[in-house]
Amino acid sequence: MKQLSEISEREYFACVGRRPGMFVGRTSFHLLTAFLTGYDQHAVRHGGHGLAGWHEWLVARRGRECSHAWPGQVLHIALPDGWDNISDLPPEDEKQAIKVLFQLLDDFTAEREATQGSQVTG
């Protein structure tokens, strides 16, 4: 089994997505976005990429801008009919939002890995 320091961000996020409760206690979209924001801040503080470009990528993926930070962008994609309270989503919306969050993170990190790989080899 690999150590955390030996896995890519993509692998790490997949690990969190498979067992989110292990990372945040009660599994909720709100808690997971807070966890990921903390992850981002720590990475940037220590010289990593964190989630640099994530908000812009989500806006491009959605095809339009709005005043929401990245968690709201994810919810627009996951719940196109809207939501009332990000910290108290109905169970079915919560499940959908979390599923889409980790699908989007996987797509984002896969694209970033491919771009970084082509810059190294190119």
C-alpha atoms as a PDB file:
ATOM      1  CA  MET A   1       0.000   0.000   0.000  1.00  0.00           C
ATOM      2  CA  LYS A   2       1.303   3.433  -0.971  1.00  0.00           C
ATOM      3  CA  GLN A   3       1.913   6.177   1.565  1.00  0.00           C
ATOM      4  CA  LEU A   4      -0.112   9.383   1.187  1.00  0.00           C
ATOM      5  CA  SER A   5       3.015  11.225   0.066  1.00  0.00           C
ATOM      6  CA  GLU A   6       3.418   8.738  -2.802  1.00  0.00           C
ATOM      7  CA  ILE A   7       0.017   9.175  -4.438  1.00  0.00           C
ATOM      8  CA  SER A   8      -1.099  11.837  -6.886  1.00  0.00           C
ATOM      9  CA  GLU A   9      -3.724  14.436  -6.061  1.00  0.00           C
ATOM     10  CA  ARG A  10      -6.096  12.576  -8.332  1.00  0.00           C
ATOM     11  CA  GLU A  11      -5.559   9.355  -6.385  1.00  0.00           C
ATOM     12  CA  TYR A  12      -5.926  11.223  -3.090  1.00  0.00           C
ATOM     13  CA  PHE A  13      -9.236  12.811  -4.104  1.00  0.00           C
ATOM     14  CA  ALA A  14     -10.492   9.417  -5.312  1.00  0.00           C
ATOM     15  CA  CYS A  15      -9.607   8.012  -1.890  1.00  0.00           C
ATOM     16  CA  VAL A  16     -11.547  10.796  -0.162  1.00  0.00           C
ATOM     17  CA  GLY A  17     -14.463  10.273  -2.543  1.00  0.00           C
ATOM     18  CA  ARG A  18     -14.634   6.546  -1.787  1.00  0.00           C
ATOM     19  CA  ARG A  19     -14.758   7.081   1.998  1.00  0.00           C
ATOM     20  CA  PRO A  20     -15.653  10.711   2.668  1.00  0.00           C
ATOM     21  CA  GLY A  21     -16.887  10.065   6.197  1.00  0.00           C
ATOM     22  CA  MET A  22     -13.419   8.935   7.165  1.00  0.00           C
ATOM     23  CA  PHE A  23     -12.131  12.417   6.336  1.00  0.00           C
ATOM     24  CA  VAL A  24     -14.965  14.657   7.536  1.00  0.00           C
ATOM     25  CA  GLY A  25     -17.057  12.606   9.980  1.00  0.00           C
ATOM     26  CA  ARG A  26     -20.662  13.084   8.881  1.00  0.00           C
ATOM     27  CA  THR A  27     -20.658  12.922   5.103  1.00  0.00           C
ATOM     28  CA  SER A  28     -22.058  16.141   3.696  1.00  0.00           C
ATOM     29  CA  PHE A  29     -21.366  18.297   0.678  1.00  0.00           C
ATOM     30  CA  HIS A  30     -20.830  21.315   2.949  1.00  0.00           C
ATOM     31  CA  LEU A  31     -18.247  19.524   5.126  1.00  0.00           C
ATOM     32  CA  LEU A  32     -16.448  18.103   2.096  1.00  0.00           C
ATOM     33  CA  THR A  33     -16.141  21.514   0.464  1.00  0.00           C
ATOM     34  CA  ALA A  34     -14.748  22.894   3.736  1.00  0.00           C
ATOM     35  CA  PHE A  35     -12.255  20.002   3.843  1.00  0.00           C
ATOM     36  CA  LEU A  36     -11.195  20.648   0.236  1.00  0.00           C
ATOM     37  CA  THR A  37     -10.826  24.372   0.900  1.00  0.00           C
ATOM     38  CA  GLY A  38      -8.524  23.528   3.803  1.00  0.00           C
ATOM     39  CA  TYR A  39      -6.615  21.113   1.588  1.00  0.00           C
ATOM     40  CA  ASP A  40      -6.198  23.853  -1.013  1.00  0.00           C
ATOM     41  CA  GLN A  41      -4.986  26.434   1.484  1.00  0.00           C
ATOM     42  CA  HIS A  42      -2.470  24.012   2.995  1.00  0.00           C
ATOM     43  CA  ALA A  43      -1.145  22.984  -0.423  1.00  0.00           C
ATOM     44  CA  VAL A  44      -0.690  26.580  -1.571  1.00  0.00           C
ATOM     45  CA  ARG A  45       0.945  27.561   1.713  1.00  0.00           C
ATOM     46  CA  HIS A  46       3.476  24.773   1.259  1.00  0.00           C
ATOM     47  CA  GLY A  47       4.265  25.370  -2.410  1.00  0.00           C
ATOM     48  CA  GLY A  48       1.751  23.010  -4.027  1.00  0.00           C
ATOM     49  CA  HIS A  49      -0.843  23.645  -6.700  1.00  0.00           C
ATOM     50  CA  GLY A  50      -3.826  22.906  -4.487  1.00  0.00           C
ATOM     51  CA  LEU A  51      -6.992  23.631  -6.417  1.00  0.00           C
ATOM     52  CA  ALA A  52      -5.483  26.384  -8.574  1.00  0.00           C
ATOM     53  CA  GLY A  53      -7.661  26.828 -11.640  1.00  0.00           C
ATOM     54  CA  TRP A  54     -10.525  24.751 -10.191  1.00  0.00           C
ATOM     55  CA  HIS A  55     -13.078  27.604 -10.072  1.00  0.00           C
ATOM     56  CA  GLU A  56     -12.232  28.734 -13.606  1.00  0.00           C
ATOM     57  CA  TRP A  57     -12.397  25.144 -14.841  1.00  0.00           C
ATOM     58  CA  LEU A  58     -15.854  24.724 -13.276  1.00  0.00           C
ATOM     59  CA  VAL A  59     -17.090  27.954 -14.860  1.00  0.00           C
ATOM     60  CA  ALA A  60     -15.835  26.772 -18.255  1.00  0.00           C
ATOM     61  CA  ARG A  61     -17.372  23.340 -17.700  1.00  0.00           C
ATOM     62  CA  ARG A  62     -20.717  24.878 -16.755  1.00  0.00           C
ATOM     63  CA  GLY A  63     -20.493  27.408 -19.562  1.00  0.00           C
ATOM     64  CA  ARG A  64     -21.380  30.475 -17.522  1.00  0.00           C
ATOM     65  CA  GLU A  65     -20.218  32.588 -14.610  1.00  0.00           C
ATOM     66  CA  CYS A  66     -22.155  33.592 -11.523  1.00  0.00           C
ATOM     67  CA  SER A  67     -21.341  35.078  -8.133  1.00  0.00           C
ATOM     68  CA  HIS A  68     -20.911  31.694  -6.411  1.00  0.00           C
ATOM     69  CA  ALA A  69     -17.564  30.388  -5.241  1.00  0.00           C
ATOM     70  CA  TRP A  70     -16.551  26.942  -6.473  1.00  0.00           C
ATOM     71  CA  PRO A  71     -18.933  24.982  -4.182  1.00  0.00           C
ATOM     72  CA  GLY A  72     -21.846  26.849  -5.755  1.00  0.00           C
ATOM     73  CA  GLN A  73     -20.472  26.142  -9.223  1.00  0.00           C
ATOM     74  CA  VAL A  74     -20.427  22.421  -8.394  1.00  0.00           C
ATOM     75  CA  LEU A  75     -24.004  22.619  -7.130  1.00  0.00           C
ATOM     76  CA  HIS A  76     -25.129  24.370 -10.328  1.00  0.00           C
ATOM     77  CA  ILE A  77     -23.752  21.414 -12.278  1.00  0.00           C
ATOM     78  CA  ALA A  78     -24.991  18.721  -9.879  1.00  0.00           C
ATOM     79  CA  LEU A  79     -28.395  20.271  -9.117  1.00  0.00           C
ATOM     80  CA  PRO A  80     -29.424  22.298 -12.177  1.00  0.00           C
ATOM     81  CA  ASP A  81     -32.905  22.891 -10.705  1.00  0.00           C
ATOM     82  CA  GLY A  82     -31.344  24.765  -7.760  1.00  0.00           C
ATOM     83  CA  TRP A  83     -31.096  24.306  -3.987  1.00  0.00           C
ATOM     84  CA  ASP A  84     -32.202  26.147  -0.870  1.00  0.00           C
ATOM     85  CA  ASN A  85     -29.413  25.732   1.690  1.00  0.00           C
ATOM     86  CA  ILE A  86     -25.904  24.446   0.895  1.00  0.00           C
ATOM     87  CA  SER A  87     -25.388  23.283   4.480  1.00  0.00           C
ATOM     88  CA  ASP A  88     -28.719  21.427   4.667  1.00  0.00           C
ATOM     89  CA  LEU A  89     -29.365  19.718   1.340  1.00  0.00           C
ATOM     90  CA  PRO A  90     -32.085  17.038   1.131  1.00  0.00           C
ATOM     91  CA  PRO A  91     -30.510  13.530   1.282  1.00  0.00           C
ATOM     92  CA  GLU A  92     -30.965  12.796  -2.434  1.00  0.00           C
ATOM     93  CA  ASP A  93     -29.459  16.162  -3.422  1.00  0.00           C
ATOM     94  CA  GLU A  94     -26.605  15.655  -0.939  1.00  0.00           C
ATOM     95  CA  LYS A  95     -25.771  12.289  -2.485  1.00  0.00           C
ATOM     96  CA  GLN A  96     -25.931  13.694  -6.030  1.00  0.00           C
ATOM     97  CA  ALA A  97     -23.825  16.747  -5.141  1.00  0.00           C
ATOM     98  CA  ILE A  98     -21.107  14.606  -3.540  1.00  0.00           C
ATOM     99  CA  LYS A  99     -21.074  12.163  -6.446  1.00  0.00           C
ATOM    100  CA  VAL A 100     -20.747  14.987  -8.987  1.00  0.00           C
ATOM    101  CA  LEU A 101     -18.134  16.810  -6.860  1.00  0.00           C
ATOM    102  CA  PHE A 102     -15.779  13.845  -6.995  1.00  0.00           C
ATOM    103  CA  GLN A 103     -16.489  13.143 -10.678  1.00  0.00           C
ATOM    104  CA  LEU A 104     -15.608  16.752 -11.462  1.00  0.00           C
ATOM    105  CA  LEU A 105     -12.484  16.640  -9.266  1.00  0.00           C
ATOM    106  CA  ASP A 106     -11.374  13.507 -11.100  1.00  0.00           C
ATOM    107  CA  ASP A 107     -11.905  15.134 -14.496  1.00  0.00           C
ATOM    108  CA  PHE A 108     -10.114  18.311 -13.355  1.00  0.00           C
ATOM    109  CA  THR A 109      -7.099  16.505 -11.907  1.00  0.00           C
ATOM    110  CA  ALA A 110      -6.889  14.156 -14.903  1.00  0.00           C
ATOM    111  CA  GLU A 111      -6.739  17.152 -17.251  1.00  0.00           C
ATOM    112  CA  ARG A 112      -4.184  18.880 -15.044  1.00  0.00           C
ATOM    113  CA  GLU A 113      -2.018  15.731 -14.890  1.00  0.00           C
ATOM    114  CA  ALA A 114      -2.185  15.406 -18.675  1.00  0.00           C
ATOM    115  CA  THR A 115      -1.221  19.065 -19.131  1.00  0.00           C
ATOM    116  CA  GLN A 116       1.641  18.803 -16.639  1.00  0.00           C
ATOM    117  CA  GLY A 117       2.817  15.560 -18.247  1.00  0.00           C
ATOM    118  CA  SER A 118       2.847  17.120 -21.718  1.00  0.00           C
ATOM    119  CA  GLN A 119       4.805  20.123 -20.385  1.00  0.00           C
ATOM    120  CA  VAL A 120       7.421  17.795 -18.893  1.00  0.00           C
ATOM    121  CA  THR A 121       7.768  15.675 -22.044  1.00  0.00           C
ATOM    122  CA  GLY A 122       7.253  18.517 -24.553  1.00  0.00           C
END
